[in-house]
Amino acid sequence: MLPFLNSAEEKLLLRFADPEAAAVEDDLSAKALSALLDNAEFHGVLPIMLRKLHERGNAHLTSDANVQSKLHELRQKAPIATGQSMLLNYHGGRIMKELTAEGIPARIVKGPVFAGKLYRHVTDRPFTDIDILVEPANLARANRVIASCGFELGSIEAESYQLQEFKWLEKGNSSLLVELHGDLVHDTGMRRRLSLGFRELRAIDGDATDTPAALLTIAIVHAAGGHKFHRLQLCVDVLQGVRALQSPEAEARLLDAARMTGIELELAIVLNVTGELFGERRALELAGRIKPDLSIRLAKRLITTNTLLRVNSREKIGSRLRRDAFRWIQRLAKARPYPA
């Protein structure tokens, strides 16, 4: 269980987590800084916090020996995470080259793409795996290519086909994980309503690749369809995705993508809670452009700022129940008609 944060400290955590927010100027007590570091590490936003603490300088930090030791240890680990991301990028590029040679259309999604396209500081967004998306019909061929690149299957094949997700581990270094997807929605109960695969992303992108609308659509599905809001980093990706929408045309393409892929419920909820967490008015405005039905109204009462911030606190059981209830709403919600 994470150290407790009071309301003021939760606001500080969110300022540390926001890549574009100014560095925190408050002089933090040893207890508060230690608790914030633990929470930032759990929520996947520690690299952003460490960068901001470095930019401000050590003169304003507590002199408490235990906290200084913790901070030093965390700073020592940061280059290791960066190195892991670089190594994953190398293997991802190698696999993509082989997929291209075999005539298999594919694209890398999430981690490295988010880091490179949505974050000013690439190291603010480390990642622990490479996600490759192909058409479902190409899964078997793509699996053979990944195996030929020195990876071994780390998931059960029959189950992987059902989930449309294969986990591959590098034979010489099992910490290197490559995931192959036929659809970014793995829950079979939800996939009758929503789907985000290679074909849908190509339609969203049009003549380009990794457009802001496509990246934000992926971030929303990642937050609400894959991980059930289990850490702040998911909403930070969404926050940065909203900021990347630079025109009314891009916003219109996002809303059209939501209708096409069936994620209007998820878009409304993820944008709403992200806007409330970070005070991002544009996210709230975009969420408000989805006409609320019963499922959206219920989900907004379940997925609140506290649901995310206290996911591993003394209130974690309540957070878990709310997130589980949201998953059931996702499974039971009816698909909205999409014009052909």
Protein backbone atom coordinates (compact mmCIF):
# COMPACT_ATOMS: atom_id res chain seq x y z
CA MET A 1 0.00 0.00 0.00
CA LEU A 2 1.26 3.45 -0.90
CA PRO A 3 1.91 6.18 1.69
CA PHE A 4 -1.13 8.38 2.28
CA LEU A 5 -1.30 11.71 0.49
CA ASN A 6 -3.54 14.48 1.75
CA SER A 7 -5.49 16.64 -0.68
CA ALA A 8 -2.71 19.22 -1.03
CA GLU A 9 -0.13 16.49 -1.65
CA GLU A 10 -2.32 14.87 -4.28
CA LYS A 11 -2.37 18.20 -6.12
CA LEU A 12 1.42 18.30 -5.91
CA LEU A 13 1.60 14.77 -7.33
CA LEU A 14 -0.50 15.87 -10.30
CA ARG A 15 1.74 18.89 -10.87
CA PHE A 16 4.77 16.64 -10.83
CA ALA A 17 3.01 14.19 -13.19
CA ASP A 18 2.08 16.82 -15.79
CA PRO A 19 5.00 17.07 -18.25
CA GLU A 20 4.11 20.65 -19.18
CA ALA A 21 3.36 22.02 -15.69
CA ALA A 22 5.90 24.28 -14.01
CA ALA A 23 8.19 22.69 -11.43
CA VAL A 24 6.82 22.59 -7.89
CA GLU A 25 8.19 25.51 -5.89
CA ASP A 26 7.00 24.36 -2.47
CA ASP A 27 9.62 23.29 0.07
CA LEU A 28 8.62 19.73 0.85
CA SER A 29 9.07 18.01 4.16
CA ALA A 30 11.01 14.76 4.22
CA LYS A 31 7.81 12.79 4.84
CA ALA A 32 5.92 14.49 2.01
CA LEU A 33 8.75 14.13 -0.51
CA SER A 34 9.22 10.46 0.35
CA ALA A 35 5.49 9.79 -0.02
CA LEU A 36 5.35 11.68 -3.33
CA LEU A 37 8.28 9.72 -4.71
CA ASP A 38 6.63 6.41 -3.79
CA ASN A 39 3.34 7.45 -5.37
CA ALA A 40 5.04 8.81 -8.50
CA GLU A 41 6.96 5.56 -8.96
CA PHE A 42 3.81 3.45 -8.64
CA HIS A 43 1.88 5.66 -11.05
CA GLY A 44 4.58 5.57 -13.74
CA VAL A 45 5.33 9.31 -13.58
CA LEU A 46 8.56 9.17 -11.57
CA PRO A 47 10.79 10.16 -14.54
CA ILE A 48 8.84 13.41 -14.90
CA MET A 49 9.10 14.13 -11.18
CA LEU A 50 12.83 13.40 -11.09
CA ARG A 51 13.41 15.71 -14.06
CA LYS A 52 11.53 18.52 -12.36
CA LEU A 53 13.38 18.03 -9.07
CA HIS A 54 16.67 18.14 -10.98
CA GLU A 55 15.65 21.31 -12.83
CA ARG A 56 14.82 23.02 -9.56
CA GLY A 57 18.09 21.97 -7.92
CA ASN A 58 19.01 20.15 -4.74
CA ALA A 59 19.26 23.30 -2.62
CA HIS A 60 15.50 23.25 -2.02
CA LEU A 61 15.31 19.58 -1.08
CA THR A 62 15.18 18.17 2.39
CA SER A 63 18.49 17.21 3.98
CA ASP A 64 16.96 14.12 5.59
CA ALA A 65 19.50 11.32 5.05
CA ASN A 66 16.93 8.60 4.38
CA VAL A 67 15.09 10.63 1.76
CA GLN A 68 18.34 11.74 0.15
CA SER A 69 19.39 8.09 -0.05
CA LYS A 70 16.07 7.11 -1.63
CA LEU A 71 16.32 9.95 -4.14
CA HIS A 72 19.88 8.99 -5.03
CA GLU A 73 18.86 5.36 -5.59
CA LEU A 74 15.94 6.37 -7.81
CA ARG A 75 18.16 8.67 -9.85
CA GLN A 76 20.66 5.88 -10.32
CA LYS A 77 17.93 3.60 -11.69
CA ALA A 78 16.66 6.16 -14.21
CA PRO A 79 19.42 5.59 -16.82
CA ILE A 80 18.77 1.85 -16.59
CA ALA A 81 15.13 2.40 -17.57
CA THR A 82 16.25 4.64 -20.43
CA GLY A 83 18.71 1.98 -21.59
CA GLN A 84 15.98 -0.67 -21.47
CA SER A 85 13.76 1.51 -23.65
CA MET A 86 16.59 2.00 -26.14
CA LEU A 87 17.23 -1.74 -26.28
CA LEU A 88 13.55 -2.42 -26.83
CA ASN A 89 13.51 0.16 -29.61
CA TYR A 90 16.40 -1.63 -31.29
CA HIS A 91 14.64 -5.01 -31.24
CA GLY A 92 11.36 -3.44 -32.31
CA GLY A 93 13.05 -1.89 -35.31
CA ARG A 94 14.73 -5.19 -36.17
CA ILE A 95 11.42 -7.06 -36.07
CA MET A 96 9.65 -4.39 -38.11
CA LYS A 97 12.35 -4.64 -40.78
CA GLU A 98 11.78 -8.39 -41.04
CA LEU A 99 8.00 -7.98 -41.14
CA THR A 100 8.37 -5.52 -43.99
CA ALA A 101 10.65 -7.93 -45.84
CA GLU A 102 7.96 -10.62 -45.52
CA GLY A 103 5.29 -8.24 -46.83
CA ILE A 104 3.38 -8.11 -43.54
CA PRO A 105 1.87 -4.65 -42.86
CA ALA A 106 2.52 -3.75 -39.22
CA ARG A 107 3.00 -0.78 -36.94
CA ILE A 108 4.49 -0.18 -33.51
CA VAL A 109 2.01 1.41 -31.11
CA LYS A 110 1.90 2.87 -27.58
CA GLY A 111 5.16 3.23 -25.61
CA PRO A 112 7.90 4.36 -28.01
CA VAL A 113 5.45 6.15 -30.29
CA PHE A 114 3.88 8.03 -27.38
CA ALA A 115 7.35 8.95 -26.08
CA GLY A 116 8.53 10.26 -29.43
CA LYS A 117 5.33 11.94 -30.62
CA LEU A 118 3.62 13.24 -27.48
CA TYR A 119 6.39 14.13 -25.02
CA ARG A 120 8.89 16.97 -25.35
CA HIS A 121 11.33 14.99 -23.19
CA VAL A 122 11.42 11.41 -24.52
CA THR A 123 12.76 10.14 -21.20
CA ASP A 124 9.56 11.34 -19.48
CA ARG A 125 7.83 8.29 -20.99
CA PRO A 126 9.86 5.09 -20.54
CA PHE A 127 8.29 1.82 -21.64
CA THR A 128 8.75 -1.81 -20.71
CA ASP A 129 7.72 -3.58 -23.92
CA ILE A 130 7.21 -3.13 -27.65
CA ASP A 131 3.67 -3.45 -28.98
CA ILE A 132 3.26 -4.43 -32.64
CA LEU A 133 -0.12 -4.37 -34.35
CA VAL A 134 -1.02 -6.42 -37.45
CA GLU A 135 -4.21 -7.58 -39.15
CA PRO A 136 -5.66 -10.66 -37.40
CA ALA A 137 -5.18 -12.65 -40.61
CA ASN A 138 -1.43 -11.98 -40.40
CA LEU A 139 -0.91 -13.07 -36.78
CA ALA A 140 0.47 -16.53 -37.63
CA ARG A 141 2.96 -15.16 -40.17
CA ALA A 142 4.03 -12.34 -37.86
CA ASN A 143 4.54 -14.82 -35.02
CA ARG A 144 6.93 -16.82 -37.18
CA VAL A 145 8.90 -13.66 -37.99
CA ILE A 146 9.24 -12.73 -34.30
CA ALA A 147 10.37 -16.28 -33.47
CA SER A 148 13.01 -16.05 -36.21
CA CYS A 149 14.33 -12.89 -34.54
CA GLY A 150 15.33 -14.82 -31.43
CA PHE A 151 12.17 -14.58 -29.31
CA GLU A 152 10.17 -17.35 -27.68
CA LEU A 153 6.44 -17.37 -26.96
CA GLY A 154 5.69 -16.57 -23.33
CA SER A 155 1.91 -16.96 -23.50
CA ILE A 156 -0.43 -19.87 -24.25
CA GLU A 157 -1.02 -19.96 -28.00
CA ALA A 158 -4.74 -20.83 -28.00
CA GLU A 159 -5.50 -18.22 -25.35
CA SER A 160 -3.37 -15.67 -27.21
CA TYR A 161 -5.42 -16.12 -30.38
CA GLN A 162 -8.59 -15.58 -28.37
CA LEU A 163 -7.23 -12.41 -26.78
CA GLN A 164 -5.53 -11.29 -30.00
CA GLU A 165 -2.34 -10.77 -27.96
CA PHE A 166 0.89 -12.80 -28.07
CA LYS A 167 3.71 -12.21 -25.57
CA TRP A 168 7.24 -12.88 -26.85
CA LEU A 169 10.38 -12.90 -24.68
CA GLU A 170 13.91 -12.49 -26.02
CA LYS A 171 15.75 -15.78 -25.52
CA GLY A 172 18.90 -14.21 -24.14
CA ASN A 173 17.18 -11.59 -21.99
CA SER A 174 13.69 -12.40 -20.72
CA SER A 175 13.20 -8.80 -19.55
CA LEU A 176 12.76 -7.82 -23.21
CA LEU A 177 9.08 -8.25 -24.05
CA VAL A 178 7.43 -7.86 -27.45
CA GLU A 179 3.66 -8.08 -27.67
CA LEU A 180 1.96 -8.85 -30.97
CA HIS A 181 -1.65 -7.71 -31.31
CA GLY A 182 -4.42 -8.37 -33.78
CA ASP A 183 -6.64 -5.94 -31.87
CA LEU A 184 -5.81 -3.53 -29.04
CA VAL A 185 -9.05 -4.56 -27.29
CA HIS A 186 -8.34 -7.91 -25.65
CA ASP A 187 -11.44 -8.38 -23.52
CA THR A 188 -13.65 -10.62 -25.65
CA GLY A 189 -16.75 -9.41 -23.82
CA MET A 190 -16.06 -5.83 -24.90
CA ARG A 191 -14.87 -6.59 -28.41
CA ARG A 192 -18.43 -7.10 -29.67
CA ARG A 193 -18.89 -3.34 -29.12
CA LEU A 194 -15.49 -1.80 -29.68
CA SER A 195 -12.45 -2.69 -31.71
CA LEU A 196 -9.16 -0.99 -32.51
CA GLY A 197 -6.98 -2.82 -34.97
CA PHE A 198 -4.63 -2.14 -37.85
CA ARG A 199 -7.47 -1.42 -40.28
CA GLU A 200 -9.20 1.06 -37.96
CA LEU A 201 -5.98 2.96 -37.26
CA ARG A 202 -5.23 3.18 -40.96
CA ALA A 203 -8.70 4.65 -41.52
CA ILE A 204 -8.21 7.19 -38.73
CA ASP A 205 -4.78 8.23 -40.03
CA GLY A 206 -5.81 8.60 -43.65
CA ASP A 207 -2.76 9.35 -45.77
CA ALA A 208 -0.53 9.99 -42.72
CA THR A 209 0.78 7.81 -39.90
CA ASP A 210 0.48 8.30 -36.13
CA THR A 211 -1.77 11.34 -36.42
CA PRO A 212 -2.85 13.02 -33.16
CA ALA A 213 -6.34 11.55 -33.51
CA ALA A 214 -4.96 8.03 -33.87
CA LEU A 215 -2.53 8.43 -30.97
CA LEU A 216 -5.24 9.77 -28.68
CA THR A 217 -7.61 6.98 -29.69
CA ILE A 218 -4.92 4.44 -28.79
CA ALA A 219 -4.23 6.18 -25.47
CA ILE A 220 -7.93 6.13 -24.57
CA VAL A 221 -8.29 2.43 -25.38
CA HIS A 222 -5.08 1.72 -23.46
CA ALA A 223 -6.38 3.51 -20.36
CA ALA A 224 -9.95 2.21 -20.32
CA GLY A 225 -9.88 -0.96 -22.39
CA GLY A 226 -6.66 -2.57 -21.26
CA HIS A 227 -5.66 -1.47 -17.78
CA LYS A 228 -8.73 -0.09 -16.07
CA PHE A 229 -7.12 3.18 -14.95
CA HIS A 230 -4.59 1.44 -12.73
CA ARG A 231 -2.08 4.30 -12.79
CA LEU A 232 -1.78 7.98 -13.64
CA GLN A 233 0.61 7.46 -16.55
CA LEU A 234 -2.33 6.27 -18.65
CA CYS A 235 -4.10 9.60 -18.21
CA VAL A 236 -0.88 11.55 -18.77
CA ASP A 237 -0.66 9.92 -22.21
CA VAL A 238 -4.23 11.07 -22.84
CA LEU A 239 -3.43 14.57 -21.54
CA GLN A 240 -0.53 14.85 -23.96
CA GLY A 241 -2.68 13.43 -26.74
CA VAL A 242 -5.29 16.14 -26.18
CA ARG A 243 -2.57 18.79 -26.34
CA ALA A 244 -1.38 17.36 -29.66
CA LEU A 245 -4.76 18.02 -31.28
CA GLN A 246 -3.89 21.30 -32.95
CA SER A 247 -6.97 21.99 -35.08
CA PRO A 248 -10.75 21.61 -35.26
CA GLU A 249 -10.16 19.12 -38.06
CA ALA A 250 -8.08 16.94 -35.76
CA GLU A 251 -10.79 17.11 -33.10
CA ALA A 252 -13.44 16.15 -35.65
CA ARG A 253 -11.30 13.22 -36.78
CA LEU A 254 -11.00 12.04 -33.15
CA LEU A 255 -14.77 12.13 -32.61
CA ASP A 256 -15.34 10.34 -35.91
CA ALA A 257 -12.77 7.73 -34.87
CA ALA A 258 -14.64 7.20 -31.61
CA ARG A 259 -17.87 6.53 -33.49
CA MET A 260 -16.14 4.24 -35.98
CA THR A 261 -14.34 2.13 -33.36
CA GLY A 262 -17.20 2.13 -30.84
CA ILE A 263 -15.29 3.87 -28.04
CA GLU A 264 -17.58 6.84 -27.42
CA LEU A 265 -18.19 5.64 -23.85
CA GLU A 266 -14.47 5.27 -23.21
CA LEU A 267 -13.64 8.60 -24.85
CA ALA A 268 -16.19 10.46 -22.74
CA ILE A 269 -15.02 8.89 -19.47
CA VAL A 270 -11.25 9.02 -20.04
CA LEU A 271 -11.29 12.61 -21.30
CA ASN A 272 -13.57 13.65 -18.44
CA VAL A 273 -11.43 12.22 -15.65
CA THR A 274 -8.21 13.41 -17.33
CA GLY A 275 -9.63 16.92 -17.61
CA GLU A 276 -10.64 16.89 -13.95
CA LEU A 277 -7.30 15.52 -12.76
CA PHE A 278 -5.16 18.06 -14.60
CA GLY A 279 -7.55 20.97 -15.00
CA GLU A 280 -7.43 20.54 -18.79
CA ARG A 281 -10.48 22.42 -20.09
CA ARG A 282 -10.09 21.13 -23.64
CA ALA A 283 -10.34 17.53 -22.50
CA LEU A 284 -13.55 18.35 -20.63
CA GLU A 285 -14.97 20.14 -23.67
CA LEU A 286 -14.22 17.19 -25.94
CA ALA A 287 -15.78 14.79 -23.42
CA GLY A 288 -18.87 16.98 -23.36
CA ARG A 289 -19.31 16.61 -27.11
CA ILE A 290 -20.34 12.97 -26.62
CA LYS A 291 -24.06 12.90 -25.88
CA PRO A 292 -24.36 11.16 -22.51
CA ASP A 293 -26.48 8.04 -22.34
CA LEU A 294 -27.17 5.99 -19.22
CA SER A 295 -23.87 4.09 -19.44
CA ILE A 296 -21.85 7.33 -19.63
CA ARG A 297 -23.75 8.93 -16.73
CA LEU A 298 -23.18 5.86 -14.55
CA ALA A 299 -19.52 5.55 -15.53
CA LYS A 300 -18.79 9.18 -14.67
CA ARG A 301 -19.95 8.49 -11.12
CA LEU A 302 -17.57 5.52 -10.91
CA ILE A 303 -14.41 6.84 -12.57
CA THR A 304 -13.49 9.91 -10.55
CA THR A 305 -10.19 11.55 -9.65
CA ASN A 306 -10.17 9.64 -6.36
CA THR A 307 -10.68 6.35 -8.22
CA LEU A 308 -7.33 6.92 -9.94
CA LEU A 309 -5.35 8.69 -7.25
CA ARG A 310 -6.21 6.17 -4.56
CA VAL A 311 -5.89 2.98 -6.59
CA ASN A 312 -3.27 1.62 -4.17
CA SER A 313 -4.08 3.57 -1.01
CA ARG A 314 -6.06 2.63 2.08
CA GLU A 315 -9.12 3.22 -0.15
CA LYS A 316 -7.90 0.77 -2.79
CA ILE A 317 -10.79 -1.68 -2.30
CA GLY A 318 -13.29 1.05 -3.15
CA SER A 319 -11.23 2.05 -6.16
CA ARG A 320 -11.04 -1.55 -7.35
CA LEU A 321 -14.80 -2.05 -7.00
CA ARG A 322 -15.49 1.13 -8.96
CA ARG A 323 -13.13 0.11 -11.75
CA ASP A 324 -14.58 -3.40 -11.88
CA ALA A 325 -18.09 -1.94 -12.09
CA PHE A 326 -16.94 0.26 -14.97
CA ARG A 327 -15.67 -2.83 -16.80
CA TRP A 328 -19.11 -4.40 -16.50
CA ILE A 329 -20.68 -1.24 -17.92
CA GLN A 330 -18.27 -1.51 -20.84
CA ARG A 331 -19.30 -5.10 -21.47
CA LEU A 332 -23.02 -4.43 -21.21
CA ALA A 333 -23.18 -1.11 -23.05
CA LYS A 334 -24.89 -1.20 -26.42
CA ALA A 335 -23.01 -0.22 -29.53
CA ARG A 336 -24.07 3.10 -31.01
CA PRO A 337 -24.97 3.03 -34.71
CA TYR A 338 -22.18 4.21 -37.01
CA PRO A 339 -23.11 5.49 -40.46
CA ALA A 340 -21.73 3.35 -43.25
